[in-house]
Amino acid sequence: MGLGILLTDEFGGKIEEIGDPYQLLPPLFPPENHPGYPFLGSIDLYGNTVFNRIQMGRFLSEWAYVVSRAESAQEKELVAAIGRMACRCRDDVHVYLKFIGD
């Protein structure tokens, strides 16, 4: 099934959702718990990981690593969509970026 990526409001209501049914993202991520990528390296592929707007500056800085590794049109489209969701999370109050693992 792959990861689900949600943009939610403070009550958990879905604002936007994108899926990764072909599991394109995991190979683009740095290794789990990588010290150079504390946010990306802590995304739980089998559980839930939630980020808030204060974390988005660092998240987006690390997201550039994922963007640089995306090669196919499908990968590029997916990482760009998640990047846009992250920017919206950064710019709005009470909005959260959530990764839902398998």
Protein backbone atom coordinates (compact mmCIF):
# COMPACT_ATOMS: atom_id res chain seq x y z
CA MET A 1 0.00 0.00 0.00
CA GLY A 2 2.85 2.42 0.67
CA LEU A 3 2.80 5.67 2.58
CA GLY A 4 -0.13 8.01 2.77
CA ILE A 5 0.67 11.68 3.17
CA LEU A 6 -1.96 13.94 4.68
CA LEU A 7 -2.29 17.61 5.36
CA THR A 8 -4.64 17.89 8.33
CA ASP A 9 -6.21 20.58 10.44
CA GLU A 10 -6.00 20.78 14.23
CA PHE A 11 -8.94 18.39 14.60
CA GLY A 12 -7.43 15.76 12.31
CA GLY A 13 -9.66 16.73 9.41
CA LYS A 14 -8.18 16.03 5.99
CA ILE A 15 -7.24 19.11 3.97
CA GLU A 16 -5.29 17.29 1.28
CA GLU A 17 -4.10 13.73 0.73
CA ILE A 18 -1.66 11.99 -1.56
CA GLY A 19 -0.70 8.34 -1.65
CA ASP A 20 2.39 6.44 -2.62
CA PRO A 21 0.89 3.09 -3.69
CA TYR A 22 3.99 2.16 -5.71
CA GLN A 23 6.32 2.85 -2.76
CA LEU A 24 8.40 5.38 -4.66
CA LEU A 25 9.36 7.42 -1.58
CA PRO A 26 11.23 4.96 0.68
CA PRO A 27 14.18 4.50 -1.69
CA LEU A 28 14.49 8.30 -1.95
CA PHE A 29 14.72 8.79 1.82
CA PRO A 30 18.01 8.83 3.72
CA PRO A 31 18.64 5.81 5.95
CA GLU A 32 16.52 5.55 9.10
CA ASN A 33 17.86 7.65 11.98
CA HIS A 34 20.49 9.29 9.74
CA PRO A 35 22.09 12.04 11.89
CA GLY A 36 22.28 14.47 8.96
CA TYR A 37 18.56 14.15 8.29
CA PRO A 38 16.84 13.95 11.67
CA PHE A 39 13.37 14.72 10.31
CA LEU A 40 13.39 12.54 7.20
CA GLY A 41 15.30 9.82 9.00
CA SER A 42 12.57 9.64 11.61
CA ILE A 43 9.66 9.02 9.21
CA ASP A 44 8.19 5.70 10.32
CA LEU A 45 7.31 3.64 7.25
CA TYR A 46 5.09 1.36 9.36
CA GLY A 47 3.56 3.88 11.76
CA ASN A 48 2.51 7.52 11.82
CA THR A 49 4.79 10.54 11.79
CA VAL A 50 3.43 14.06 12.28
CA PHE A 51 5.16 17.39 11.62
CA ASN A 52 3.98 20.89 12.56
CA ARG A 53 4.62 24.30 11.01
CA ILE A 54 7.58 25.10 13.24
CA GLN A 55 9.32 21.96 11.98
CA MET A 56 8.67 22.71 8.33
CA GLY A 57 11.71 24.93 7.78
CA ARG A 58 14.04 22.09 8.71
CA PHE A 59 11.83 19.52 7.00
CA LEU A 60 11.89 21.44 3.72
CA SER A 61 15.64 21.87 3.97
CA GLU A 62 15.98 18.10 4.29
CA TRP A 63 13.29 17.51 1.63
CA ALA A 64 15.72 18.98 -0.92
CA TYR A 65 17.66 15.70 -0.54
CA VAL A 66 14.60 13.72 -1.64
CA VAL A 67 13.94 16.13 -4.51
CA SER A 68 17.53 15.70 -5.72
CA ARG A 69 17.15 11.91 -5.78
CA ALA A 70 13.85 11.83 -7.71
CA GLU A 71 14.51 10.80 -11.29
CA SER A 72 11.34 9.55 -12.94
CA ALA A 73 8.46 11.86 -13.82
CA GLN A 74 6.29 9.99 -11.33
CA GLU A 75 8.83 10.45 -8.51
CA LYS A 76 9.28 14.13 -9.34
CA GLU A 77 5.53 14.73 -9.37
CA LEU A 78 5.09 12.98 -6.02
CA VAL A 79 7.92 14.79 -4.22
CA ALA A 80 6.79 18.14 -5.66
CA ALA A 81 3.25 17.57 -4.40
CA ILE A 82 4.53 16.71 -0.93
CA GLY A 83 6.78 19.77 -1.02
CA ARG A 84 3.75 21.95 -1.77
CA MET A 85 1.88 20.36 1.14
CA ALA A 86 4.88 21.03 3.40
CA CYS A 87 4.93 24.69 2.33
CA ARG A 88 1.27 25.02 3.15
CA CYS A 89 1.92 23.44 6.54
CA ARG A 90 4.75 25.93 7.12
CA ASP A 91 2.59 28.90 6.17
CA ASP A 92 -0.62 28.05 8.05
CA VAL A 93 -1.37 27.74 11.75
CA HIS A 94 -2.96 24.53 13.09
CA VAL A 95 -2.01 22.55 9.98
CA TYR A 96 0.01 19.34 10.17
CA LEU A 97 1.86 17.18 7.67
CA LYS A 98 1.31 13.55 8.50
CA PHE A 99 2.95 10.45 7.04
CA ILE A 100 0.84 7.32 7.52
CA GLY A 101 2.82 4.08 7.28
CA ASP A 102 1.66 0.65 6.21
